[in-house]
Amino acid sequence: MAYSFLSSWAMESLYPNLIAPANTGTASNHHMSAFLQFDLTPLIVEALAGDDIISATMRLYVLSGAESGFGAGPSATYPVSFDVRLLEGSWNEATLTWNNQPGGAYNPTTTSPPGTIVATSPTITNTGIWVDVDITDILTGWLDDPATNYGLRLTQPTEVRDSGGASVFPSFASSEYATESYRPQLVVQTVPEPETAVLFGLGVAGFLTVRRRNR
């Protein structure tokens, strides 16, 4: 799994495998996008196609602002959500910067991030929790045409600030996070059902859980 984020105020800085905030919104020039790409090799090896997928859920663990070192974490008083955008070009977590991102650099105060919005997260009102996002349609498309799996961009559609003026946004445990059980997960339910669920490790990145059942 590739996982990174980029920042509009440090355009040539590299942030591979760091904890990735979604972003501070479009009202300021301090805009960040999180990028992630799941390795679907275990599904492709099993010759699974889009019609074999019942559901696919992306799971991200929300860290506190103190843990991430970026801004303030969401709360019931300052809730946030994020959009999931489909990336349409290749990228490399070791070389990704604001200036070479898929779709090109843009002015976050006047322009929306590149990529079509394909999902939106539930409202996040706390840290130390999992956020689940349904990406079934996205996964089925990738399996039918694996060459289109460029991954996803996570962006926060509106800027939120707390009473002290600190930016509020979700920060997620990355594919390199010390506690492996908090790394990003993709849970896939397919047909037919074997006796037990299969857990695939995605390198040192995240986990892909495959659950099968009869139609």
C-alpha atoms as a PDB file:
ATOM      1  CA  MET A   1       0.000   0.000   0.000  1.00  0.00           C
ATOM      2  CA  ALA A   2       1.267   3.451  -0.881  1.00  0.00           C
ATOM      3  CA  TYR A   3       0.299   6.248   1.493  1.00  0.00           C
ATOM      4  CA  SER A   4       1.428   9.871   1.626  1.00  0.00           C
ATOM      5  CA  PHE A   5       0.262  13.449   1.885  1.00  0.00           C
ATOM      6  CA  LEU A   6       1.235  16.742   0.339  1.00  0.00           C
ATOM      7  CA  SER A   7       1.043  20.374   1.383  1.00  0.00           C
ATOM      8  CA  SER A   8       0.433  23.604  -0.507  1.00  0.00           C
ATOM      9  CA  TRP A   9       2.765  25.595   1.761  1.00  0.00           C
ATOM     10  CA  ALA A  10       5.737  23.250   1.308  1.00  0.00           C
ATOM     11  CA  MET A  11       5.361  22.491  -2.379  1.00  0.00           C
ATOM     12  CA  GLU A  12       8.551  20.526  -2.919  1.00  0.00           C
ATOM     13  CA  SER A  13       8.649  18.744   0.441  1.00  0.00           C
ATOM     14  CA  LEU A  14       8.325  14.956   0.556  1.00  0.00           C
ATOM     15  CA  TYR A  15       6.067  13.283   3.110  1.00  0.00           C
ATOM     16  CA  PRO A  16       6.206   9.549   2.317  1.00  0.00           C
ATOM     17  CA  ASN A  17       4.711   7.182   4.862  1.00  0.00           C
ATOM     18  CA  LEU A  18       3.823   9.876   7.377  1.00  0.00           C
ATOM     19  CA  ILE A  19       0.548  10.278   9.236  1.00  0.00           C
ATOM     20  CA  ALA A  20      -1.621  12.091   6.712  1.00  0.00           C
ATOM     21  CA  PRO A  21      -4.144  14.817   7.494  1.00  0.00           C
ATOM     22  CA  ALA A  22      -6.980  15.268   5.035  1.00  0.00           C
ATOM     23  CA  ASN A  23      -6.552  19.046   4.774  1.00  0.00           C
ATOM     24  CA  THR A  24      -7.320  22.410   6.324  1.00  0.00           C
ATOM     25  CA  GLY A  25      -9.917  23.381   3.752  1.00  0.00           C
ATOM     26  CA  THR A  26     -10.100  25.702   0.781  1.00  0.00           C
ATOM     27  CA  ALA A  27     -10.388  28.979   2.686  1.00  0.00           C
ATOM     28  CA  SER A  28      -6.662  29.201   3.364  1.00  0.00           C
ATOM     29  CA  ASN A  29      -3.473  28.451   1.472  1.00  0.00           C
ATOM     30  CA  HIS A  30      -2.584  25.789   4.035  1.00  0.00           C
ATOM     31  CA  HIS A  31      -4.150  22.930   2.143  1.00  0.00           C
ATOM     32  CA  MET A  32      -3.212  19.270   2.530  1.00  0.00           C
ATOM     33  CA  SER A  33      -4.411  16.181   0.695  1.00  0.00           C
ATOM     34  CA  ALA A  34      -3.874  12.591   1.787  1.00  0.00           C
ATOM     35  CA  PHE A  35      -3.075   9.992  -0.883  1.00  0.00           C
ATOM     36  CA  LEU A  36      -3.442   6.239  -0.548  1.00  0.00           C
ATOM     37  CA  GLN A  37      -3.383   3.263  -2.874  1.00  0.00           C
ATOM     38  CA  PHE A  38      -4.248  -0.305  -1.875  1.00  0.00           C
ATOM     39  CA  ASP A  39      -2.357  -3.227  -3.374  1.00  0.00           C
ATOM     40  CA  LEU A  40      -5.074  -5.406  -4.916  1.00  0.00           C
ATOM     41  CA  THR A  41      -2.740  -8.236  -5.913  1.00  0.00           C
ATOM     42  CA  PRO A  42      -4.383 -10.784  -3.532  1.00  0.00           C
ATOM     43  CA  LEU A  43      -7.746 -10.200  -5.235  1.00  0.00           C
ATOM     44  CA  ILE A  44      -6.315 -10.217  -8.748  1.00  0.00           C
ATOM     45  CA  VAL A  45      -4.386 -13.434  -8.081  1.00  0.00           C
ATOM     46  CA  GLU A  46      -7.678 -15.090  -7.108  1.00  0.00           C
ATOM     47  CA  ALA A  47      -9.125 -13.930 -10.468  1.00  0.00           C
ATOM     48  CA  LEU A  48     -11.846 -11.906  -8.784  1.00  0.00           C
ATOM     49  CA  ALA A  49     -13.784  -9.467 -10.952  1.00  0.00           C
ATOM     50  CA  GLY A  50     -16.139  -6.643 -10.115  1.00  0.00           C
ATOM     51  CA  ASP A  51     -19.178  -8.951 -10.168  1.00  0.00           C
ATOM     52  CA  ASP A  52     -17.624 -11.011  -7.374  1.00  0.00           C
ATOM     53  CA  ILE A  53     -17.613  -8.090  -4.925  1.00  0.00           C
ATOM     54  CA  ILE A  54     -20.485  -7.700  -2.461  1.00  0.00           C
ATOM     55  CA  SER A  55     -18.956  -4.860  -0.478  1.00  0.00           C
ATOM     56  CA  ALA A  56     -15.671  -3.048   0.084  1.00  0.00           C
ATOM     57  CA  THR A  57     -14.976  -0.836   3.088  1.00  0.00           C
ATOM     58  CA  MET A  58     -11.971   1.413   3.590  1.00  0.00           C
ATOM     59  CA  ARG A  59     -11.126   1.767   7.290  1.00  0.00           C
ATOM     60  CA  LEU A  60      -8.951   4.586   8.653  1.00  0.00           C
ATOM     61  CA  TYR A  61      -7.944   5.120  12.282  1.00  0.00           C
ATOM     62  CA  VAL A  62      -8.269   8.721  13.495  1.00  0.00           C
ATOM     63  CA  LEU A  63      -5.380  10.029  15.579  1.00  0.00           C
ATOM     64  CA  SER A  64      -5.440  12.935  18.016  1.00  0.00           C
ATOM     65  CA  GLY A  65      -3.835  16.227  17.073  1.00  0.00           C
ATOM     66  CA  ALA A  66      -1.129  15.569  19.648  1.00  0.00           C
ATOM     67  CA  GLU A  67      -0.314  12.197  18.070  1.00  0.00           C
ATOM     68  CA  SER A  68      -0.172  13.545  14.541  1.00  0.00           C
ATOM     69  CA  GLY A  69       1.496  16.880  15.297  1.00  0.00           C
ATOM     70  CA  PHE A  70      -0.902  18.632  12.924  1.00  0.00           C
ATOM     71  CA  GLY A  71      -3.693  20.928  14.092  1.00  0.00           C
ATOM     72  CA  ALA A  72      -6.521  19.871  16.368  1.00  0.00           C
ATOM     73  CA  GLY A  73      -8.445  16.624  16.119  1.00  0.00           C
ATOM     74  CA  PRO A  74     -12.199  16.487  15.481  1.00  0.00           C
ATOM     75  CA  SER A  75     -14.679  16.533  18.369  1.00  0.00           C
ATOM     76  CA  ALA A  76     -18.405  16.752  18.978  1.00  0.00           C
ATOM     77  CA  THR A  77     -18.017  20.536  19.136  1.00  0.00           C
ATOM     78  CA  TYR A  78     -15.902  20.679  15.980  1.00  0.00           C
ATOM     79  CA  PRO A  79     -16.945  17.765  13.745  1.00  0.00           C
ATOM     80  CA  VAL A  80     -15.419  17.205  10.303  1.00  0.00           C
ATOM     81  CA  SER A  81     -15.764  14.909   7.308  1.00  0.00           C
ATOM     82  CA  PHE A  82     -13.715  14.267   4.200  1.00  0.00           C
ATOM     83  CA  ASP A  83     -14.321  13.578   0.525  1.00  0.00           C
ATOM     84  CA  VAL A  84     -12.797  10.641  -1.334  1.00  0.00           C
ATOM     85  CA  ARG A  85     -11.611  11.583  -4.820  1.00  0.00           C
ATOM     86  CA  LEU A  86     -10.580   9.147  -7.522  1.00  0.00           C
ATOM     87  CA  LEU A  87      -7.022   9.733  -8.716  1.00  0.00           C
ATOM     88  CA  GLU A  88      -6.537   9.653 -12.473  1.00  0.00           C
ATOM     89  CA  GLY A  89      -2.760   9.543 -12.730  1.00  0.00           C
ATOM     90  CA  SER A  90       0.176   7.677 -11.258  1.00  0.00           C
ATOM     91  CA  TRP A  91       2.254   8.884  -8.298  1.00  0.00           C
ATOM     92  CA  ASN A  92       5.069   7.648  -6.111  1.00  0.00           C
ATOM     93  CA  GLU A  93       5.053   8.011  -2.330  1.00  0.00           C
ATOM     94  CA  ALA A  94       8.831   8.567  -2.349  1.00  0.00           C
ATOM     95  CA  THR A  95       8.685  11.490  -4.800  1.00  0.00           C
ATOM     96  CA  LEU A  96       5.188  12.967  -4.462  1.00  0.00           C
ATOM     97  CA  THR A  97       5.093  16.760  -3.964  1.00  0.00           C
ATOM     98  CA  TRP A  98       2.477  19.484  -4.409  1.00  0.00           C
ATOM     99  CA  ASN A  99       3.983  20.457  -7.739  1.00  0.00           C
ATOM    100  CA  ASN A 100       4.043  16.986  -9.309  1.00  0.00           C
ATOM    101  CA  GLN A 101       0.769  15.604  -7.950  1.00  0.00           C
ATOM    102  CA  PRO A 102      -1.677  13.886 -10.341  1.00  0.00           C
ATOM    103  CA  GLY A 103      -3.735  16.572 -12.037  1.00  0.00           C
ATOM    104  CA  GLY A 104      -1.062  19.180 -11.346  1.00  0.00           C
ATOM    105  CA  ALA A 105      -0.613  21.851  -8.685  1.00  0.00           C
ATOM    106  CA  TYR A 106      -3.586  24.146  -8.083  1.00  0.00           C
ATOM    107  CA  ASN A 107      -4.573  27.184  -6.015  1.00  0.00           C
ATOM    108  CA  PRO A 108      -6.632  25.794  -3.098  1.00  0.00           C
ATOM    109  CA  THR A 109      -8.235  29.176  -2.395  1.00  0.00           C
ATOM    110  CA  THR A 110      -9.897  29.290  -5.820  1.00  0.00           C
ATOM    111  CA  THR A 111      -9.872  25.758  -7.239  1.00  0.00           C
ATOM    112  CA  SER A 112     -11.183  22.387  -6.045  1.00  0.00           C
ATOM    113  CA  PRO A 113      -8.720  19.489  -5.830  1.00  0.00           C
ATOM    114  CA  PRO A 114      -8.354  17.346  -8.958  1.00  0.00           C
ATOM    115  CA  GLY A 115     -10.349  14.136  -9.171  1.00  0.00           C
ATOM    116  CA  THR A 116     -14.009  13.160  -9.095  1.00  0.00           C
ATOM    117  CA  ILE A 117     -15.642  12.814  -5.665  1.00  0.00           C
ATOM    118  CA  VAL A 118     -16.716   9.169  -5.398  1.00  0.00           C
ATOM    119  CA  ALA A 119     -17.502   8.887  -1.674  1.00  0.00           C
ATOM    120  CA  THR A 120     -17.830  10.966   1.491  1.00  0.00           C
ATOM    121  CA  SER A 121     -16.924   9.899   4.991  1.00  0.00           C
ATOM    122  CA  PRO A 122     -19.357   9.853   7.915  1.00  0.00           C
ATOM    123  CA  THR A 123     -19.123  12.875  10.207  1.00  0.00           C
ATOM    124  CA  ILE A 124     -16.145  12.442  12.541  1.00  0.00           C
ATOM    125  CA  THR A 125     -16.722  13.646  16.098  1.00  0.00           C
ATOM    126  CA  ASN A 126     -13.836  12.082  18.003  1.00  0.00           C
ATOM    127  CA  THR A 127     -10.302  10.728  17.780  1.00  0.00           C
ATOM    128  CA  GLY A 128      -9.096   7.240  18.643  1.00  0.00           C
ATOM    129  CA  ILE A 129     -11.830   5.699  16.491  1.00  0.00           C
ATOM    130  CA  TRP A 130     -12.168   3.934  13.138  1.00  0.00           C
ATOM    131  CA  VAL A 131     -13.882   5.659  10.233  1.00  0.00           C
ATOM    132  CA  ASP A 132     -15.455   3.358   7.654  1.00  0.00           C
ATOM    133  CA  VAL A 133     -16.096   4.478   4.075  1.00  0.00           C
ATOM    134  CA  ASP A 134     -17.928   2.381   1.489  1.00  0.00           C
ATOM    135  CA  ILE A 135     -15.799   2.122  -1.674  1.00  0.00           C
ATOM    136  CA  THR A 136     -17.561  -0.865  -3.244  1.00  0.00           C
ATOM    137  CA  ASP A 137     -18.152   0.806  -6.618  1.00  0.00           C
ATOM    138  CA  ILE A 138     -14.558   2.020  -6.724  1.00  0.00           C
ATOM    139  CA  LEU A 139     -13.121  -1.432  -6.061  1.00  0.00           C
ATOM    140  CA  THR A 140     -15.332  -3.133  -8.632  1.00  0.00           C
ATOM    141  CA  GLY A 141     -14.106  -0.681 -11.247  1.00  0.00           C
ATOM    142  CA  TRP A 142     -10.472  -1.326 -10.323  1.00  0.00           C
ATOM    143  CA  LEU A 143     -10.907  -5.094 -10.521  1.00  0.00           C
ATOM    144  CA  ASP A 144     -12.562  -4.844 -13.936  1.00  0.00           C
ATOM    145  CA  ASP A 145      -9.685  -2.643 -15.120  1.00  0.00           C
ATOM    146  CA  PRO A 146      -6.684  -2.903 -12.728  1.00  0.00           C
ATOM    147  CA  ALA A 147      -4.704  -0.348 -14.749  1.00  0.00           C
ATOM    148  CA  THR A 148      -7.059   2.374 -13.455  1.00  0.00           C
ATOM    149  CA  ASN A 149      -6.103   1.801  -9.802  1.00  0.00           C
ATOM    150  CA  TYR A 150      -4.181   5.018  -9.174  1.00  0.00           C
ATOM    151  CA  GLY A 151      -5.534   5.224  -5.648  1.00  0.00           C
ATOM    152  CA  LEU A 152      -7.516   7.843  -3.768  1.00  0.00           C
ATOM    153  CA  ARG A 153      -7.157  11.433  -2.607  1.00  0.00           C
ATOM    154  CA  LEU A 154      -8.746  12.457   0.713  1.00  0.00           C
ATOM    155  CA  THR A 155      -9.705  16.108   1.119  1.00  0.00           C
ATOM    156  CA  GLN A 156     -11.719  18.046   3.679  1.00  0.00           C
ATOM    157  CA  PRO A 157     -14.337  20.120   1.811  1.00  0.00           C
ATOM    158  CA  THR A 158     -14.674  22.953   4.340  1.00  0.00           C
ATOM    159  CA  GLU A 159     -12.252  24.570   6.740  1.00  0.00           C
ATOM    160  CA  VAL A 160     -12.998  24.161  10.451  1.00  0.00           C
ATOM    161  CA  ARG A 161     -11.273  26.094  13.226  1.00  0.00           C
ATOM    162  CA  ASP A 162     -11.700  25.735  16.968  1.00  0.00           C
ATOM    163  CA  SER A 163     -12.256  28.564  19.452  1.00  0.00           C
ATOM    164  CA  GLY A 164      -8.507  29.169  19.624  1.00  0.00           C
ATOM    165  CA  GLY A 165      -8.191  29.469  15.858  1.00  0.00           C
ATOM    166  CA  ALA A 166      -6.466  26.108  15.344  1.00  0.00           C
ATOM    167  CA  SER A 167      -7.354  24.178  12.208  1.00  0.00           C
ATOM    168  CA  VAL A 168      -9.456  21.084  12.892  1.00  0.00           C
ATOM    169  CA  PHE A 169      -9.078  18.089  10.588  1.00  0.00           C
ATOM    170  CA  PRO A 170      -8.762  14.314  10.799  1.00  0.00           C
ATOM    171  CA  SER A 171      -5.305  12.772  10.869  1.00  0.00           C
ATOM    172  CA  PHE A 172      -5.024   9.077  10.100  1.00  0.00           C
ATOM    173  CA  ALA A 173      -2.589   6.360  11.089  1.00  0.00           C
ATOM    174  CA  SER A 174      -0.497   5.680   8.008  1.00  0.00           C
ATOM    175  CA  SER A 175       0.885   2.509   6.477  1.00  0.00           C
ATOM    176  CA  GLU A 176       4.038   3.012   8.572  1.00  0.00           C
ATOM    177  CA  TYR A 177       2.289   3.692  11.884  1.00  0.00           C
ATOM    178  CA  ALA A 178       4.010   1.939  14.809  1.00  0.00           C
ATOM    179  CA  THR A 179       0.868   0.107  15.942  1.00  0.00           C
ATOM    180  CA  GLU A 180       0.188  -2.206  13.002  1.00  0.00           C
ATOM    181  CA  SER A 181      -3.442  -2.832  13.965  1.00  0.00           C
ATOM    182  CA  TYR A 182      -4.173   0.886  13.397  1.00  0.00           C
ATOM    183  CA  ARG A 183      -2.852   0.978   9.826  1.00  0.00           C
ATOM    184  CA  PRO A 184      -5.340   1.519   6.959  1.00  0.00           C
ATOM    185  CA  GLN A 185      -7.505  -1.453   6.088  1.00  0.00           C
ATOM    186  CA  LEU A 186      -9.604  -2.558   3.144  1.00  0.00           C
ATOM    187  CA  VAL A 187     -12.312  -5.071   4.082  1.00  0.00           C
ATOM    188  CA  VAL A 188     -13.794  -6.891   1.093  1.00  0.00           C
ATOM    189  CA  GLN A 189     -16.763  -9.260   1.055  1.00  0.00           C
ATOM    190  CA  THR A 190     -16.982 -11.565  -1.969  1.00  0.00           C
ATOM    191  CA  VAL A 191     -18.810 -14.682  -3.166  1.00  0.00           C
ATOM    192  CA  PRO A 192     -18.792 -17.591  -2.520  1.00  0.00           C
ATOM    193  CA  GLU A 193     -18.036 -18.039   1.192  1.00  0.00           C
ATOM    194  CA  PRO A 194     -15.184 -20.275   2.414  1.00  0.00           C
ATOM    195  CA  GLU A 195     -15.084 -21.757   5.894  1.00  0.00           C
ATOM    196  CA  THR A 196     -12.907 -18.950   7.256  1.00  0.00           C
ATOM    197  CA  ALA A 197     -12.073 -15.388   6.350  1.00  0.00           C
ATOM    198  CA  VAL A 198      -8.762 -14.772   4.610  1.00  0.00           C
ATOM    199  CA  LEU A 199      -6.452 -12.014   5.850  1.00  0.00           C
ATOM    200  CA  PHE A 200      -3.884 -10.716   3.394  1.00  0.00           C
ATOM    201  CA  GLY A 201      -0.991  -8.525   4.521  1.00  0.00           C
ATOM    202  CA  LEU A 202      -0.270  -5.709   2.087  1.00  0.00           C
ATOM    203  CA  GLY A 203       3.499  -5.637   2.521  1.00  0.00           C
ATOM    204  CA  VAL A 204       4.209  -3.408   5.491  1.00  0.00           C
ATOM    205  CA  ALA A 205       1.295  -1.190   4.600  1.00  0.00           C
ATOM    206  CA  GLY A 206      -2.228  -2.080   5.603  1.00  0.00           C
ATOM    207  CA  PHE A 207      -4.456  -5.115   5.602  1.00  0.00           C
ATOM    208  CA  LEU A 208      -6.916  -6.556   3.148  1.00  0.00           C
ATOM    209  CA  THR A 209      -9.557  -8.763   4.725  1.00  0.00           C
ATOM    210  CA  VAL A 210     -11.558 -10.919   2.323  1.00  0.00           C
ATOM    211  CA  ARG A 211     -14.840 -12.391   3.481  1.00  0.00           C
ATOM    212  CA  ARG A 212     -16.834 -14.654   1.181  1.00  0.00           C
ATOM    213  CA  ARG A 213     -20.424 -15.797   1.196  1.00  0.00           C
ATOM    214  CA  ASN A 214     -22.880 -17.455  -1.145  1.00  0.00           C
ATOM    215  CA  ARG A 215     -25.135 -15.155  -3.161  1.00  0.00           C
END
